[in-house]
Protein backbone atom coordinates (compact mmCIF):
# COMPACT_ATOMS: atom_id res chain seq x y z
CA UNK A 1 -32.58 48.81 69.29
CA UNK A 2 -30.71 47.31 72.61
CA UNK A 3 -26.78 46.89 72.75
CA UNK A 4 -27.50 42.87 72.41
CA UNK A 5 -29.91 43.25 69.36
CA UNK A 6 -27.34 45.53 67.76
CA UNK A 7 -24.19 42.66 68.61
CA UNK A 8 -26.68 40.01 67.10
CA UNK A 9 -27.28 41.93 63.87
CA UNK A 10 -23.38 42.60 63.71
CA UNK A 11 -22.70 39.00 64.16
CA UNK A 12 -25.24 38.00 61.30
CA UNK A 13 -23.80 40.58 59.15
CA UNK A 14 -20.35 38.79 59.51
CA UNK A 15 -21.53 35.10 59.18
CA UNK A 16 -23.59 36.25 55.93
CA UNK A 17 -20.06 37.54 54.67
CA UNK A 18 -18.25 34.27 55.63
CA UNK A 19 -20.65 32.36 53.98
CA UNK A 20 -20.55 34.70 51.00
CA UNK A 21 -16.60 34.17 51.14
CA UNK A 22 -17.07 30.53 51.40
CA UNK A 23 -19.37 30.25 48.40
CA UNK A 24 -16.81 32.62 46.26
CA UNK A 25 -13.75 30.49 47.10
CA UNK A 26 -15.92 27.21 46.19
CA UNK A 27 -16.89 28.92 42.90
CA UNK A 28 -13.62 29.89 42.13
CA UNK A 29 -12.23 26.40 43.11
CA UNK A 30 -14.95 24.75 40.70
CA UNK A 31 -14.01 27.14 38.21
CA UNK A 32 -10.35 26.26 38.46
CA UNK A 33 -10.99 22.61 38.21
CA UNK A 34 -12.91 22.56 35.49
CA UNK A 35 -10.62 25.01 33.83
CA UNK A 36 -8.13 22.21 34.33
CA UNK A 37 -10.05 19.43 32.98
CA UNK A 38 -10.93 21.11 29.70
CA UNK A 39 -7.29 22.05 29.11
CA UNK A 40 -6.37 18.44 30.20
CA UNK A 41 -8.87 17.00 27.76
CA UNK A 42 -7.62 19.43 24.96
CA UNK A 43 -4.41 18.07 25.62
CA UNK A 44 -4.93 14.56 25.56
CA UNK A 45 -7.28 15.08 22.30
CA UNK A 46 -4.32 16.94 20.50
CA UNK A 47 -1.86 14.41 21.66
CA UNK A 48 -3.79 11.23 20.91
CA UNK A 49 -4.77 12.48 17.66
CA UNK A 50 -2.16 14.73 16.06
CA UNK A 51 0.87 13.86 18.27
CA UNK A 52 0.93 10.02 19.05
CA UNK A 53 -0.17 9.30 15.49
CA UNK A 54 2.29 10.87 13.81
CA UNK A 55 5.48 10.02 15.62
CA UNK A 56 6.67 7.01 13.42
CA UNK A 57 9.09 4.51 15.10
CA UNK A 58 11.31 1.59 13.95
CA UNK A 59 11.44 -1.56 15.81
CA UNK A 60 14.49 -3.31 15.44
CA UNK A 61 14.68 -7.06 15.68
CA UNK A 62 17.47 -9.94 15.46
CA UNK A 63 16.23 -13.08 13.83
CA UNK A 64 18.41 -15.95 14.39
CA UNK A 65 17.52 -19.62 12.46
CA UNK A 66 20.22 -22.06 10.97
CA UNK A 67 17.97 -23.03 8.06
CA UNK A 68 18.79 -19.56 6.46
CA UNK A 69 21.19 -20.06 3.49
CA UNK A 70 24.54 -18.81 3.95
CA UNK A 71 24.33 -16.30 1.11
CA UNK A 72 21.10 -14.53 3.08
CA UNK A 73 22.86 -14.33 6.47
CA UNK A 74 22.97 -10.53 7.17
CA UNK A 75 19.29 -10.53 5.27
CA UNK A 76 17.83 -7.38 5.90
CA UNK A 77 13.75 -7.19 6.10
CA UNK A 78 11.51 -4.23 6.41
CA UNK A 79 7.94 -4.93 7.34
CA UNK A 80 5.04 -2.21 7.30
CA UNK A 81 1.45 -2.40 7.40
CA UNK A 82 -2.01 -0.87 7.82
CA UNK A 83 -1.10 2.82 6.10
CA UNK A 84 -5.12 3.57 6.04
CA UNK A 85 -4.03 6.19 3.79
CA UNK A 86 -6.62 9.22 4.58
CA UNK A 87 -7.30 8.50 8.20
CA UNK A 88 -4.18 10.20 10.09
CA UNK A 89 -1.73 9.40 7.24
CA UNK A 90 -1.38 11.59 4.19
CA UNK A 91 1.15 12.25 1.32
CA UNK A 92 3.95 14.13 3.86
CA UNK A 93 3.72 10.86 5.77
CA UNK A 94 4.34 8.53 3.28
CA UNK A 95 7.49 10.69 2.55
CA UNK A 96 8.63 10.22 5.69
CA UNK A 97 7.72 6.69 5.64
CA UNK A 98 9.94 6.17 2.54
CA UNK A 99 12.80 7.77 3.78
CA UNK A 100 13.10 5.39 7.21
CA UNK A 101 13.07 2.78 4.80
CA UNK A 102 15.43 3.57 2.57
CA UNK A 103 17.92 4.71 5.01
CA UNK A 104 18.45 1.19 6.30
CA UNK A 105 19.05 -0.15 2.89
CA UNK A 106 16.75 -3.33 2.96
CA UNK A 107 16.96 -6.31 0.96
CA UNK A 108 13.26 -6.97 1.22
CA UNK A 109 10.29 -4.67 2.13
CA UNK A 110 6.71 -6.47 2.60
CA UNK A 111 3.51 -4.82 3.23
CA UNK A 112 0.59 -6.75 4.46
CA UNK A 113 -2.59 -4.99 3.69
CA UNK A 114 -4.94 -1.84 4.20
CA UNK A 115 -3.51 0.48 2.22
CA UNK A 116 -6.43 3.27 1.93
CA UNK A 117 -8.84 3.78 4.69
CA UNK A 118 -11.97 2.25 3.95
CA UNK A 119 -13.74 5.92 4.59
CA UNK A 120 -11.78 7.63 2.46
CA UNK A 121 -12.40 8.70 -1.10
CA UNK A 122 -8.93 8.86 -2.92
CA UNK A 123 -8.99 10.83 -5.95
CA UNK A 124 -6.99 10.71 -9.33
CA UNK A 125 -4.21 13.24 -8.44
CA UNK A 126 -3.57 11.81 -4.84
CA UNK A 127 -3.73 7.75 -6.26
CA UNK A 128 -0.80 9.02 -8.36
CA UNK A 129 1.26 10.71 -5.59
CA UNK A 130 0.85 7.50 -3.32
CA UNK A 131 2.11 5.30 -5.90
CA UNK A 132 4.95 7.75 -6.58
CA UNK A 133 5.90 8.01 -3.42
CA UNK A 134 5.50 4.22 -2.92
CA UNK A 135 7.59 3.16 -5.73
CA UNK A 136 10.80 5.11 -4.23
CA UNK A 137 10.94 2.65 -1.95
CA UNK A 138 14.30 0.49 -2.61
CA UNK A 139 14.81 -3.23 -1.53
CA UNK A 140 17.62 -5.29 -3.02
CA UNK A 141 15.91 -8.38 -3.50
CA UNK A 142 12.03 -6.98 -4.00
CA UNK A 143 8.72 -5.60 -2.56
CA UNK A 144 5.94 -7.84 -1.80
CA UNK A 145 2.53 -7.24 -0.44
CA UNK A 146 -0.89 -8.93 0.49
CA UNK A 147 -4.22 -8.13 0.87
CA UNK A 148 -6.13 -6.65 3.94
CA UNK A 149 -9.64 -7.01 4.51
CA UNK A 150 -10.27 -3.25 3.40
CA UNK A 151 -8.18 -3.49 0.17
CA UNK A 152 -9.93 -3.62 -3.32
CA UNK A 153 -8.95 -2.88 -6.67
CA UNK A 154 -7.52 0.39 -6.12
CA UNK A 155 -5.01 -1.73 -4.07
CA UNK A 156 -4.00 -3.73 -6.73
CA UNK A 157 -3.51 -0.51 -9.49
CA UNK A 158 -1.31 1.14 -6.91
CA UNK A 159 0.79 -1.33 -5.28
CA UNK A 160 1.63 -2.44 -9.05
CA UNK A 161 2.38 0.89 -10.03
CA UNK A 162 4.95 1.02 -6.91
CA UNK A 163 6.62 -1.82 -8.32
CA UNK A 164 5.08 -4.29 -5.29
CA UNK A 165 4.64 -7.97 -6.40
CA UNK A 166 1.32 -9.12 -4.94
CA UNK A 167 1.39 -12.71 -3.41
CA UNK A 168 -2.10 -13.16 -2.45
CA UNK A 169 -2.48 -17.07 -1.88
CA UNK A 170 0.65 -17.67 -3.35
CA UNK A 171 4.61 -18.14 -2.91
CA UNK A 172 7.84 -16.59 -4.42
CA UNK A 173 11.25 -18.18 -4.14
CA UNK A 174 13.77 -15.42 -3.52
CA UNK A 175 17.28 -15.91 -4.76
CA UNK A 176 20.32 -13.99 -3.90
CA UNK A 177 23.99 -14.99 -4.51
CA UNK A 178 23.53 -18.93 -5.51
CA UNK A 179 20.83 -21.41 -6.45
CA UNK A 180 19.36 -21.72 -2.43
CA UNK A 181 16.19 -19.50 -2.02
CA UNK A 182 14.30 -18.27 0.72
CA UNK A 183 10.46 -18.49 0.29
CA UNK A 184 7.87 -15.97 0.73
CA UNK A 185 4.26 -16.94 1.52
CA UNK A 186 1.59 -14.62 0.79
CA UNK A 187 -2.03 -15.27 2.39
CA UNK A 188 -4.86 -13.02 1.43
CA UNK A 189 -7.42 -11.74 4.11
CA UNK A 190 -9.20 -14.35 6.41
CA UNK A 191 -11.83 -12.19 7.74
CA UNK A 192 -13.05 -11.56 4.00
CA UNK A 193 -12.99 -15.51 3.82
CA UNK A 194 -10.21 -15.12 1.07
CA UNK A 195 -7.39 -17.42 2.19
CA UNK A 196 -6.31 -20.24 0.49
CA UNK A 197 -3.81 -22.07 2.23
CA UNK A 198 -3.33 -25.11 -0.21
CA UNK A 199 -2.52 -22.16 -2.86
CA UNK A 200 -0.18 -20.19 -0.56
CA UNK A 201 2.05 -23.21 0.18
CA UNK A 202 1.85 -25.05 -3.06
CA UNK A 203 5.77 -25.26 -3.00
CA UNK A 204 5.13 -27.94 -0.76
CA UNK A 205 3.51 -30.49 -3.18
CA UNK A 206 5.77 -29.68 -5.87
CA UNK A 207 8.03 -32.66 -6.44
CA UNK A 208 11.26 -30.70 -6.45
CA UNK A 209 10.40 -28.96 -3.54
CA UNK A 210 12.96 -28.31 -0.61
CA UNK A 211 11.31 -29.23 2.87
CA UNK A 212 14.05 -27.32 4.77
CA UNK A 213 13.50 -24.20 3.13
CA UNK A 214 13.69 -21.15 5.14
CA UNK A 215 9.96 -19.36 4.86
CA UNK A 216 8.19 -16.24 5.82
CA UNK A 217 4.57 -16.40 5.72
CA UNK A 218 2.81 -12.73 5.40
CA UNK A 219 -0.76 -12.07 6.20
CA UNK A 220 -3.08 -9.45 7.60
CA UNK A 221 -5.12 -10.76 10.32
CA UNK A 222 -2.99 -12.16 12.99
CA UNK A 223 -5.51 -14.58 14.58
CA UNK A 224 -5.45 -16.33 10.89
CA UNK A 225 -2.13 -17.87 12.47
CA UNK A 226 -3.82 -20.82 14.41
CA UNK A 227 -5.36 -21.83 11.00
CA UNK A 228 -2.26 -21.79 9.46
CA UNK A 229 -0.52 -23.67 12.28
CA UNK A 230 -2.74 -26.31 12.00
CA UNK A 231 -1.84 -27.14 8.63
CA UNK A 232 1.63 -26.00 7.90
CA UNK A 233 4.83 -24.58 9.10
CA UNK A 234 6.85 -21.25 8.51
CA UNK A 235 9.77 -20.11 10.35
CA UNK A 236 8.48 -16.51 10.90
CA UNK A 237 5.02 -14.93 10.52
CA UNK A 238 4.47 -11.37 9.93
CA UNK A 239 0.79 -9.57 10.17
CA UNK A 240 -0.78 -6.25 10.94
CA UNK A 241 -4.28 -5.56 11.90
CA UNK A 242 -4.41 -5.47 15.33
CA UNK A 243 -2.54 -2.00 15.66
CA UNK A 244 -1.36 -3.55 18.95
CA UNK A 245 -4.60 -2.62 20.58
CA UNK A 246 -4.21 1.06 19.65
CA UNK A 247 -4.48 2.07 23.22
CA UNK A 248 -1.80 0.23 25.56
CA UNK A 249 -1.94 0.82 29.58
CA UNK A 250 0.86 -0.82 31.81
CA UNK A 251 0.32 -4.60 33.02
CA UNK A 252 -3.10 -4.45 30.57
CA UNK A 253 -1.48 -4.37 27.16
CA UNK A 254 -3.58 -3.71 24.09
CA UNK A 255 -7.51 -2.31 24.84
CA UNK A 256 -8.88 -2.09 21.41
CA UNK A 257 -9.41 -5.05 19.77
CA UNK A 258 -10.77 -5.74 16.23
CA UNK A 259 -12.12 -8.85 14.38
CA UNK A 260 -9.44 -10.91 13.21
CA UNK A 261 -6.98 -9.70 16.15
CA UNK A 262 -8.84 -10.77 19.22
CA UNK A 263 -6.74 -13.48 20.59
CA UNK A 264 -3.37 -11.98 19.00
CA UNK A 265 -2.61 -8.23 19.63
CA UNK A 266 0.99 -7.86 20.76
CA UNK A 267 3.79 -7.15 19.15
CA UNK A 268 5.25 -10.69 19.33
CA UNK A 269 4.51 -14.24 20.19
CA UNK A 270 6.41 -17.70 19.83
CA UNK A 271 4.23 -20.00 18.13
CA UNK A 272 5.62 -23.39 18.05
CA UNK A 273 9.34 -22.85 17.44
CA UNK A 274 8.63 -20.06 14.93
CA UNK A 275 8.71 -16.42 15.31
CA UNK A 276 5.60 -14.43 14.99
CA UNK A 277 5.93 -10.37 14.76
CA UNK A 278 2.57 -8.27 14.47
CA UNK A 279 3.43 -4.46 13.35
CA UNK A 280 1.41 -1.50 14.89
CA UNK A 281 0.98 -0.05 11.41
CA UNK A 282 1.45 3.37 10.47
CA UNK A 283 -2.22 4.58 10.07
CA UNK A 284 -5.21 4.24 12.22
CA UNK A 285 -8.28 2.70 12.37
CA UNK A 286 -11.78 2.28 14.22
CA UNK A 287 -11.11 5.26 17.02
CA UNK A 288 -8.69 7.28 14.70
CA UNK A 289 -6.18 8.00 17.42
CA UNK A 290 -3.51 6.25 19.61
CA UNK A 291 -2.38 6.14 23.03
CA UNK A 292 1.35 4.78 24.25
CA UNK A 293 0.82 2.72 20.93
CA UNK A 294 2.95 4.84 18.20
CA UNK A 295 2.62 4.14 14.47
CA UNK A 296 5.88 2.02 13.67
CA UNK A 297 7.56 -0.31 11.17
CA UNK A 298 9.53 -3.35 11.95
CA UNK A 299 12.90 -3.61 10.93
CA UNK A 300 14.69 -7.28 10.89
CA UNK A 301 17.98 -8.44 10.50
CA UNK A 302 18.25 -12.48 10.01
CA UNK A 303 21.17 -14.43 10.30
CA UNK A 304 21.95 -18.04 10.71
CA UNK A 305 24.19 -18.00 13.50
């Protein structure tokens, strides 16, 4: 073999080693990249499923309305909704919820539907525990609830055992220190075709009604607001169901939209001259996770000036 042939053979060996080294580096790079992607996916899954669904936040709002009677000035209301027990919410989560509510000493507590997740079978022992914990919620002037689209007979049983008053398609006059009340209007689920506005607002057809009464309307599906506004007026509207979109992205907002929450998804809207608040809820529905949209309850301080 000549020297030139030896040199060519040596060069081929060098090129072969270089190719093998390059392949090795590429293989290592893709292995590291795949590993990082897997880790990121695991972290994302754990965060969206087990962390962001558990970190309950309390959103505080101030409502000022000169129709509020003087005796109610400083009224404290807590609104929670969409517990969906059995989704990402279980008995320890309810205990924490009750603690957060009672620490704020509310005058009125309202719940706007979907107590038990539709895919979860609640046994008798759990039912008793849920009722026992919700019964510990303290409210000076009362606890009130309306149906969501997933609520059936078990909802009635638990809420009654928990001393919540069900005001589906009806109203309740709430008094404090004098004879001037405020009114809570309860409207049943619209997606189940159960809402009846004429019954819910029947107060206004009574001979002795006060046309200037301060009223708060409670209902589950936020898109029902347009139907309500076409016939009646309240000063404050409280709803749930939308979970504020479940996944919220900057400049885009809520990504996941449910039937009954296609138009109204966000936390707050001004409708006519009234305030409309939609809670993100406590549990989860649909995808079973949250992203940049923590579970929450709303805490309102209401004054007349």
